[in-house]
Protein backbone atom coordinates (compact mmCIF):
# COMPACT_ATOMS: atom_id res chain seq x y z
CA MET A 1 117.93 -1.52 244.74
CA LEU A 2 120.82 -2.09 242.36
CA ILE A 3 122.71 0.81 243.94
CA ASP A 4 123.34 -1.38 247.01
CA PHE A 5 125.63 -3.58 244.91
CA LEU A 6 127.69 -0.74 243.44
CA PRO A 7 131.07 0.44 244.75
CA LEU A 8 130.86 3.51 246.97
CA TRP A 9 132.83 5.64 244.50
CA ILE A 10 130.02 5.07 241.99
CA ALA A 11 127.01 4.93 244.31
CA ASP A 12 127.83 8.15 246.16
CA TYR A 13 128.23 10.09 242.92
CA LEU A 14 125.53 8.47 240.79
CA ALA A 15 124.09 11.88 239.83
CA ALA A 16 127.52 12.91 238.50
CA TRP A 17 127.68 9.68 236.49
CA LEU A 18 124.21 10.41 235.12
CA PHE A 19 125.46 13.80 233.96
CA LEU A 20 128.57 12.28 232.37
CA VAL A 21 126.77 9.44 230.54
CA MET A 22 124.15 11.78 229.12
CA THR A 23 126.85 14.21 228.00
CA ILE A 24 128.66 11.46 226.12
CA ALA A 25 125.41 10.21 224.53
CA LEU A 26 124.50 13.70 223.33
CA MET A 27 128.00 14.25 221.95
CA LEU A 28 127.64 11.00 220.00
CA GLY A 29 124.57 12.42 218.29
CA PHE A 30 121.73 10.50 219.95
CA PRO A 31 118.31 12.25 219.89
CA VAL A 32 118.04 14.73 222.73
CA THR A 33 114.67 13.74 224.19
CA LEU A 34 115.23 9.98 223.87
CA THR A 35 118.64 10.39 225.48
CA MET A 36 117.27 12.37 228.41
CA MET A 37 114.41 9.92 228.98
CA GLY A 38 116.38 6.72 228.36
CA VAL A 39 119.45 7.56 230.43
CA SER A 40 117.32 9.01 233.22
CA PHE A 41 115.14 5.89 233.30
CA LEU A 42 118.23 3.64 233.41
CA PHE A 43 119.86 5.52 236.29
CA GLY A 44 116.52 5.78 238.05
CA LEU A 45 116.19 2.00 238.02
CA ILE A 46 119.72 1.68 239.41
CA GLY A 47 119.60 4.29 242.14
CA LEU A 48 115.97 4.98 243.06
CA ASP A 49 113.00 3.19 244.50
CA PRO A 50 110.77 2.08 241.57
CA THR A 51 107.80 3.74 243.28
CA LEU A 52 109.40 7.09 242.43
CA PHE A 53 108.38 6.54 238.82
CA GLU A 54 104.77 6.73 239.92
CA LEU A 55 105.41 10.46 240.12
CA MET A 56 106.36 10.62 236.44
CA PRO A 57 102.78 10.72 235.05
CA LEU A 58 101.95 13.49 237.52
CA ARG A 59 104.99 15.48 236.39
CA MET A 60 104.02 14.99 232.76
CA TRP A 61 100.47 16.07 233.50
CA GLY A 62 101.81 19.13 235.26
CA VAL A 63 103.74 20.07 232.12
CA MET A 64 100.75 19.58 229.84
CA THR A 65 98.44 21.65 232.07
CA ASN A 66 100.87 24.51 232.69
CA THR A 67 98.91 27.60 231.66
CA MET A 68 102.07 29.53 230.77
CA LEU A 69 103.08 26.85 228.27
CA MET A 70 99.70 27.20 226.59
CA ALA A 71 101.16 30.28 224.93
CA VAL A 72 103.71 28.16 223.03
CA PRO A 73 101.38 26.80 220.30
CA LEU A 74 99.74 30.22 219.96
CA PHE A 75 102.99 32.01 219.20
CA ILE A 76 104.16 29.14 216.99
CA PHE A 77 100.90 29.49 215.08
CA MET A 78 101.51 33.24 214.74
CA GLY A 79 105.02 32.57 213.44
CA PHE A 80 103.79 30.03 210.90
CA VAL A 81 101.08 32.40 209.64
CA LEU A 82 103.58 35.24 209.25
CA GLU A 83 106.03 32.91 207.49
CA LYS A 84 103.65 30.95 205.25
CA SER A 85 101.67 34.01 204.20
CA GLY A 86 104.85 35.84 203.16
CA ILE A 87 104.31 38.73 205.61
CA ALA A 88 107.53 38.03 207.49
CA ARG A 89 109.40 37.62 204.21
CA ASP A 90 108.05 40.96 202.95
CA LEU A 91 109.07 42.62 206.21
CA LEU A 92 112.60 41.26 206.20
CA GLU A 93 113.16 41.82 202.49
CA THR A 94 111.93 45.40 202.72
CA MET A 95 114.21 46.05 205.67
CA GLU A 96 117.07 44.45 203.73
CA GLU A 97 116.34 46.86 200.89
CA LEU A 98 116.32 49.73 203.37
CA PHE A 99 119.74 48.71 204.74
CA ARG A 100 121.21 47.26 201.55
CA ASN A 101 124.01 49.83 201.53
CA VAL A 102 125.04 48.57 205.00
CA ARG A 103 126.85 45.26 205.11
CA GLY A 104 125.14 43.05 207.67
CA GLY A 105 122.03 45.24 207.63
CA LEU A 106 119.63 42.31 207.37
CA ALA A 107 121.21 40.56 210.36
CA ILE A 108 121.03 43.78 212.38
CA SER A 109 117.36 44.20 211.50
CA ILE A 110 116.71 40.59 212.59
CA VAL A 111 118.26 41.32 215.98
CA ALA A 112 115.88 44.27 216.36
CA VAL A 113 112.88 42.20 215.26
CA GLY A 114 114.00 39.39 217.57
CA ALA A 115 114.10 41.78 220.51
CA LEU A 116 110.56 42.98 219.78
CA LEU A 117 109.23 39.48 219.21
CA GLY A 118 111.00 38.14 222.28
CA ALA A 119 109.46 40.92 224.35
CA SER A 120 106.01 40.05 223.03
CA THR A 121 106.29 36.35 223.95
CA GLY A 122 108.60 36.01 226.92
CA ILE A 123 108.87 32.27 226.11
CA VAL A 124 112.23 31.22 224.69
CA GLY A 125 111.09 28.06 222.87
CA ALA A 126 108.25 29.81 221.07
CA THR A 127 110.38 32.84 220.20
CA VAL A 128 113.30 30.81 218.82
CA VAL A 129 110.98 28.68 216.70
CA THR A 130 109.10 31.74 215.45
CA MET A 131 112.34 33.58 214.61
CA GLY A 132 113.65 30.48 212.88
CA LEU A 133 110.55 30.28 210.72
CA MET A 134 110.59 34.00 209.95
CA SER A 135 114.24 34.84 209.53
CA LEU A 136 116.49 31.89 208.79
CA PRO A 137 115.28 31.15 205.22
CA THR A 138 115.47 34.86 204.39
CA MET A 139 119.08 35.16 205.58
CA LEU A 140 120.12 32.06 203.63
CA LYS A 141 118.35 33.41 200.56
CA HIS A 142 120.44 36.59 200.82
CA ASN A 143 123.69 34.58 200.88
CA TYR A 144 124.48 34.74 204.58
CA SER A 145 126.45 31.69 205.63
CA SER A 146 124.63 29.00 207.59
CA ARG A 147 126.93 29.75 210.50
CA ILE A 148 126.20 33.47 210.90
CA ALA A 149 122.52 33.03 210.03
CA ALA A 150 121.93 30.30 212.61
CA GLY A 151 123.91 32.15 215.29
CA THR A 152 122.07 35.42 214.70
CA VAL A 153 118.63 33.81 214.76
CA ALA A 154 119.37 31.68 217.85
CA ALA A 155 120.76 34.67 219.77
CA SER A 156 117.93 36.98 218.68
CA GLY A 157 115.29 34.42 219.63
CA THR A 158 116.76 33.97 223.10
CA LEU A 159 116.50 37.70 223.91
CA GLY A 160 113.03 37.03 225.34
CA GLN A 161 114.74 35.46 228.35
CA ILE A 162 115.91 38.86 229.65
CA ILE A 163 113.89 41.53 227.84
CA PRO A 164 110.73 42.31 229.83
CA PRO A 165 108.08 41.13 230.22
CA SER A 166 110.06 37.90 230.56
CA ILE A 167 108.34 34.98 232.26
CA VAL A 168 111.61 34.24 234.06
CA LEU A 169 111.48 37.69 235.67
CA LEU A 170 107.77 37.32 236.35
CA LEU A 171 108.35 34.13 238.35
CA LEU A 172 111.61 35.25 239.90
CA GLY A 173 110.23 38.43 241.51
CA PRO A 174 108.13 36.78 244.24
CA VAL A 175 110.85 34.21 244.97
CA MET A 176 113.43 36.97 245.43
CA GLU A 177 110.86 39.13 247.27
CA VAL A 178 111.39 41.89 244.70
CA PRO A 179 108.41 43.72 243.10
CA ILE A 180 107.68 42.59 239.54
CA GLY A 181 107.82 46.19 238.33
CA ASP A 182 111.35 46.53 239.70
CA MET A 183 112.40 43.29 238.00
CA PHE A 184 111.04 44.45 234.65
CA MET A 185 112.59 47.90 234.87
CA GLY A 186 115.91 46.49 236.13
CA ALA A 187 116.18 44.33 233.00
CA VAL A 188 115.61 47.18 230.53
CA ILE A 189 119.16 48.61 230.43
CA PRO A 190 120.96 45.21 230.41
CA GLY A 191 118.63 44.04 227.63
CA LEU A 192 119.32 47.15 225.54
CA ILE A 193 123.08 46.78 226.09
CA LEU A 194 122.86 43.20 224.86
CA VAL A 195 120.96 44.19 221.69
CA VAL A 196 123.41 47.01 220.95
CA LEU A 197 126.46 44.76 221.38
CA TYR A 198 124.90 42.13 219.11
CA CYS A 199 124.49 44.79 216.41
CA ILE A 200 128.02 46.10 216.94
CA TYR A 201 129.45 42.61 216.56
CA ILE A 202 127.55 41.99 213.32
CA TYR A 203 128.55 45.35 211.88
CA GLY A 204 132.17 44.86 213.01
CA ALA A 205 132.36 41.38 211.48
CA ALA A 206 131.01 42.76 208.21
CA LEU A 207 133.28 45.81 208.33
CA PHE A 208 136.40 43.67 208.63
CA GLY A 209 135.47 41.54 205.67
CA SER A 210 133.90 38.42 207.17
CA SER A 211 133.21 35.91 204.40
CA HIS A 212 130.10 34.79 206.29
CA ILE A 213 128.30 38.07 205.55
CA PRO A 214 127.50 39.05 201.94
CA PRO A 215 128.83 42.38 200.64
CA ALA A 216 126.56 45.39 200.73
CA ALA A 217 124.88 46.51 197.55
CA ASN A 218 126.48 49.42 195.77
CA GLN A 219 123.31 51.46 195.71
CA ARG A 220 121.20 53.07 198.37
CA ALA A 221 117.49 52.60 198.86
CA THR A 222 115.48 54.94 196.63
CA PHE A 223 113.07 56.76 198.90
CA ASP A 224 110.49 57.38 196.24
CA LYS A 225 106.74 57.12 196.74
CA ALA A 226 106.61 53.47 195.64
CA PHE A 227 109.36 52.39 198.03
CA ILE A 228 107.86 54.25 200.99
CA GLY A 229 104.52 52.61 200.23
CA ARG A 230 106.12 49.14 200.22
CA LEU A 231 108.02 49.97 203.37
CA CYS A 232 104.91 51.08 205.24
CA LYS A 233 102.87 48.11 204.03
CA ALA A 234 105.57 45.62 205.01
CA LEU A 235 106.82 47.24 208.21
CA ILE A 236 103.96 48.94 210.00
CA PRO A 237 101.33 46.13 210.28
CA PRO A 238 103.65 43.41 211.69
CA LEU A 239 105.39 45.83 214.05
CA PHE A 240 102.00 47.18 215.12
CA LEU A 241 100.95 43.60 215.89
CA ILE A 242 104.10 42.93 217.93
CA VAL A 243 103.94 46.25 219.78
CA THR A 244 100.25 45.72 220.50
CA VAL A 245 100.89 42.26 221.91
CA LEU A 246 103.72 43.67 224.04
CA GLY A 247 101.69 46.69 225.10
CA THR A 248 98.79 44.62 226.41
CA ILE A 249 101.19 42.73 228.67
CA PHE A 250 102.91 45.90 229.90
CA ALA A 251 99.57 47.52 230.61
CA GLY A 252 98.35 44.47 232.50
CA ILE A 253 95.46 43.98 230.10
CA ALA A 254 96.44 40.45 229.00
CA THR A 255 98.54 37.52 230.18
CA PRO A 256 101.18 36.03 227.84
CA THR A 257 98.72 33.29 226.89
CA GLU A 258 95.99 35.81 226.12
CA SER A 259 98.42 38.00 224.18
CA GLY A 260 99.52 34.91 222.24
CA ALA A 261 95.91 34.27 221.24
CA MET A 262 95.58 37.91 220.22
CA GLY A 263 98.79 37.64 218.19
CA ALA A 264 97.54 34.52 216.42
CA VAL A 265 94.25 36.21 215.51
CA GLY A 266 96.10 39.38 214.51
CA ALA A 267 98.38 37.41 212.19
CA ILE A 268 95.31 35.92 210.46
CA ILE A 269 93.80 39.41 210.09
CA LEU A 270 97.05 40.70 208.56
CA THR A 271 97.08 37.77 206.14
CA ALA A 272 93.50 38.51 205.12
CA TYR A 273 94.39 42.20 204.74
CA ASN A 274 97.16 41.22 202.32
CA ARG A 275 94.67 38.97 200.45
CA ARG A 276 96.68 35.83 201.10
CA LEU A 277 94.32 34.00 203.46
CA SER A 278 93.09 30.63 202.18
CA PHE A 279 92.02 27.24 203.52
CA PRO A 280 95.12 25.47 202.10
CA LEU A 281 97.30 28.01 203.91
CA LEU A 282 95.43 27.48 207.21
CA HIS A 283 95.70 23.70 206.77
CA GLU A 284 99.45 23.94 206.21
CA VAL A 285 99.85 26.30 209.17
CA ALA A 286 97.81 23.99 211.44
CA LYS A 287 99.92 20.95 210.48
CA GLY A 288 103.15 22.85 211.05
CA THR A 289 101.93 24.16 214.40
CA ILE A 290 101.03 20.66 215.61
CA LYS A 291 104.42 19.27 214.60
CA MET A 292 106.41 22.11 216.15
CA THR A 293 104.33 22.17 219.33
CA SER A 294 104.88 18.44 219.74
CA MET A 295 108.62 18.95 219.30
CA VAL A 296 108.75 21.71 221.94
CA PHE A 297 106.74 19.74 224.47
CA ILE A 298 108.62 16.48 223.96
CA ILE A 299 111.88 18.32 224.72
CA ILE A 300 110.30 19.79 227.86
CA MET A 301 109.12 16.33 228.88
CA GLY A 302 112.59 14.89 228.37
CA ALA A 303 114.00 17.62 230.61
CA THR A 304 111.26 16.85 233.15
CA CYS A 305 112.28 13.18 233.28
CA PHE A 306 115.91 14.12 233.74
CA SER A 307 115.21 16.67 236.47
CA LEU A 308 113.09 14.19 238.44
CA VAL A 309 115.83 11.53 238.44
CA PHE A 310 118.64 14.07 238.89
CA ARG A 311 117.03 15.47 242.02
CA GLY A 312 116.01 11.98 243.16
CA LEU A 313 119.70 11.02 243.06
CA ALA A 314 120.45 14.15 245.11
CA GLY A 315 122.37 15.76 242.26
CA ASP A 316 121.41 19.28 243.32
CA ASP A 317 122.37 18.45 246.93
CA LEU A 318 125.72 17.18 245.69
CA LEU A 319 126.38 20.51 243.99
CA ARG A 320 125.26 22.50 247.03
CA GLU A 321 127.46 20.44 249.33
CA PHE A 322 130.37 21.18 247.02
CA ILE A 323 129.70 24.92 247.39
CA ASP A 324 129.29 24.68 251.18
CA SER A 325 132.55 22.78 251.53
CA MET A 326 134.47 25.74 250.09
CA ASP A 327 135.25 28.71 252.30
CA LEU A 328 134.12 31.42 249.92
CA GLN A 329 134.01 35.18 250.35
CA GLY A 330 132.33 37.92 248.32
CA TRP A 331 132.92 37.63 244.59
CA GLN A 332 134.18 34.08 244.98
CA LEU A 333 130.71 33.09 246.15
CA ILE A 334 129.02 34.97 243.28
CA ALA A 335 131.34 33.33 240.72
CA ILE A 336 130.69 29.82 242.06
CA VAL A 337 126.92 30.44 242.23
CA MET A 338 126.87 31.74 238.66
CA ILE A 339 128.78 28.67 237.43
CA PHE A 340 126.40 26.44 239.39
CA ILE A 341 123.33 28.08 237.84
CA PHE A 342 124.95 28.01 234.39
CA LEU A 343 125.44 24.23 234.59
CA LEU A 344 121.93 23.62 235.91
CA GLY A 345 120.50 25.66 233.03
CA PHE A 346 121.69 23.02 230.56
CA PHE A 347 119.28 20.42 231.86
CA LEU A 348 116.77 21.83 234.33
CA ASP A 349 113.81 23.97 233.39
CA PHE A 350 114.02 27.59 234.54
CA ILE A 351 110.84 27.14 236.58
CA GLU A 352 112.43 24.31 238.57
CA ILE A 353 115.67 26.25 239.09
CA THR A 354 113.69 29.32 240.18
CA TYR A 355 111.58 27.49 242.72
CA ILE A 356 114.10 24.91 243.99
CA GLN A 357 117.60 26.38 243.75
CA ILE A 358 117.03 30.13 244.14
CA PRO A 359 115.26 29.92 247.55
CA ILE A 360 118.37 28.17 248.86
CA ILE A 361 120.99 30.33 247.14
CA ALA A 362 119.38 33.79 247.32
CA PRO A 363 119.40 34.16 251.13
CA ILE A 364 123.12 33.31 251.20
CA VAL A 365 123.85 35.94 248.53
CA VAL A 366 121.72 38.58 250.28
CA ASP A 367 123.43 37.84 253.61
CA PHE A 368 126.70 38.77 251.94
CA GLY A 369 125.23 42.24 251.30
CA TYR A 370 124.28 41.97 247.62
CA ASP A 371 121.13 43.60 246.21
CA PRO A 372 118.45 40.95 245.50
CA LEU A 373 117.30 42.88 242.40
CA TRP A 374 120.82 42.88 241.00
CA PHE A 375 121.25 39.18 241.75
CA GLY A 376 117.89 38.40 240.10
CA ILE A 377 118.92 40.08 236.84
CA MET A 378 122.32 38.38 237.01
CA PHE A 379 120.52 35.06 237.41
CA ALA A 380 118.23 35.70 234.42
CA MET A 381 121.12 36.84 232.21
CA ASN A 382 123.24 33.86 233.25
CA LEU A 383 120.40 31.44 232.56
CA GLN A 384 119.91 33.02 229.13
CA THR A 385 123.59 32.41 228.39
CA SER A 386 123.24 28.79 229.47
CA PHE A 387 120.17 28.32 227.26
CA MET A 388 122.17 29.20 224.12
CA THR A 389 125.56 27.62 224.94
CA PRO A 390 126.66 24.50 223.00
CA PRO A 391 126.34 21.59 223.19
CA PHE A 392 123.34 21.44 225.53
CA GLY A 393 121.61 24.82 225.07
CA PRO A 394 117.84 24.19 224.68
CA SER A 395 117.53 27.16 222.31
CA LEU A 396 119.84 25.40 219.84
CA PHE A 397 117.66 22.28 219.91
CA TYR A 398 114.53 24.35 219.29
CA LEU A 399 116.12 26.12 216.33
CA LYS A 400 117.57 22.93 214.85
CA SER A 401 114.05 21.50 214.55
CA VAL A 402 113.07 24.22 212.04
CA CYS A 403 116.43 24.62 210.26
CA PRO A 404 116.67 23.82 206.54
CA PRO A 405 118.63 20.62 205.79
CA GLU A 406 121.72 22.56 204.71
CA VAL A 407 122.13 24.04 208.21
CA LYS A 408 124.11 21.52 210.26
CA THR A 409 124.39 21.25 214.02
CA THR A 410 128.03 22.30 213.79
CA ASP A 411 126.90 25.51 212.05
CA LEU A 412 124.67 26.25 215.03
CA TYR A 413 127.45 25.60 217.51
CA ARG A 414 130.08 27.67 215.68
CA GLY A 415 127.69 30.49 214.86
CA ILE A 416 126.43 31.00 218.41
CA ILE A 417 129.88 31.20 220.06
CA PRO A 418 130.46 34.96 219.43
CA PHE A 419 127.03 35.74 220.87
CA VAL A 420 127.75 33.62 223.93
CA VAL A 421 130.96 35.62 224.42
CA ILE A 422 128.92 38.84 224.21
CA GLN A 423 126.52 37.45 226.81
CA ILE A 424 129.42 36.76 229.16
CA ILE A 425 130.80 40.27 228.58
CA VAL A 426 127.43 41.83 229.46
CA LEU A 427 127.20 39.60 232.53
CA CYS A 428 130.61 40.88 233.64
CA ILE A 429 129.55 44.49 232.97
CA ILE A 430 126.45 44.06 235.14
CA ALA A 431 128.56 42.43 237.85
CA ALA A 432 131.04 45.32 237.83
CA TRP A 433 128.39 48.07 237.69
CA PRO A 434 125.24 47.03 239.59
CA GLN A 435 123.86 50.54 239.05
CA LEU A 436 122.98 49.53 235.47
CA VAL A 437 120.32 47.32 237.04
CA THR A 438 119.23 49.36 240.06
CA TRP A 439 119.28 52.92 238.66
CA LEU A 440 116.16 52.83 236.49
CA PRO A 441 113.85 51.13 239.03
CA ARG A 442 114.91 53.63 241.70
CA LEU A 443 114.33 56.49 239.28
CA VAL A 444 110.88 55.30 238.16
CA TYR A 445 109.53 53.60 241.27
CA GLY A 446 111.65 55.28 243.91
CA SER A 447 112.56 51.89 245.39
């Protein structure tokens, strides 16, 4: 292998060099997936046995046959139907009319819709893409800056990472040996705190005269019979669809994939109800769904290539050895573990982190006397923060694929920063007051 001819200071830290080279390539603007695959392939040839690449087709096949990921095209299809048929536009414009005397009202309503939609999917990629299709053009149309619009949509779409029934929590429960019901209930209060702080930030930015948020209209909504009729027609059917999709998961009637199929069919029914269903519309929706699904899966495959080579070069072992070499106590350990998970979240899929890293880290944390439920919610919240943090946050890449041309990557990066700060604040709040996580499950389930 070529690694035998390299100096020890390079060979022993080849995983770190892989991380550095890919970081530089991404900062230079190279395509994300091609960068992940190309750099990983190059370092794999240098540092690994070529037979390792025989595993690559199996990994790719595992991605394509993952039943949870089957929900992605279904929810993308639902988002395209709601966007192309004008239902989402009617909903957001009606809510904007309802809150037009409140500066930032449309952005606040999008956060609320994002929380509901995120809860109905539980899949970050699908939720971000769906929110981008539904909300971003509407915000730009109402003179929100590209920066605040992109940041609001990206943050709202990523709420599905923590708001139950999140797939992260669903997979994390058995690994942490915590009941799924406890995981879901433990995430309720942190998720609500996050939504409230998002809304407070938007309202505060508008209140203090941010130029990125248009001024409020000088007239209130007229609650006459015509307006209430428009409000009910625009608001009730889509929210009923979202709540129904969410309710079937909560009640255990349907899996996320099955609820995604129900949401797709429900979106078609709503379109037909509004007399907007046509074959040209379905053709356009189908084409858009294929393109967006391909984009989501190619990013996942790029991350799969990277994770295979990264672990093959013992990159995760290198990080763990770094932690073990430090004599840590209490909160020092938690801080280092959270930073470790945060960095891994840039490049590794949450499923891989959950099943590879957590079984190693969790017992150490529990041995220090920390509640596994609390640590599980901290992990999910931290991973959500990583998913939306520039420059590597996967949520930003998903949203960029559906952004209008006038929305630049720098707008995404600058717009998401305040929401990342809010995420870190909530993470610190949960760390300081674990009862915010443990109180509700103990009250409801007595555990």
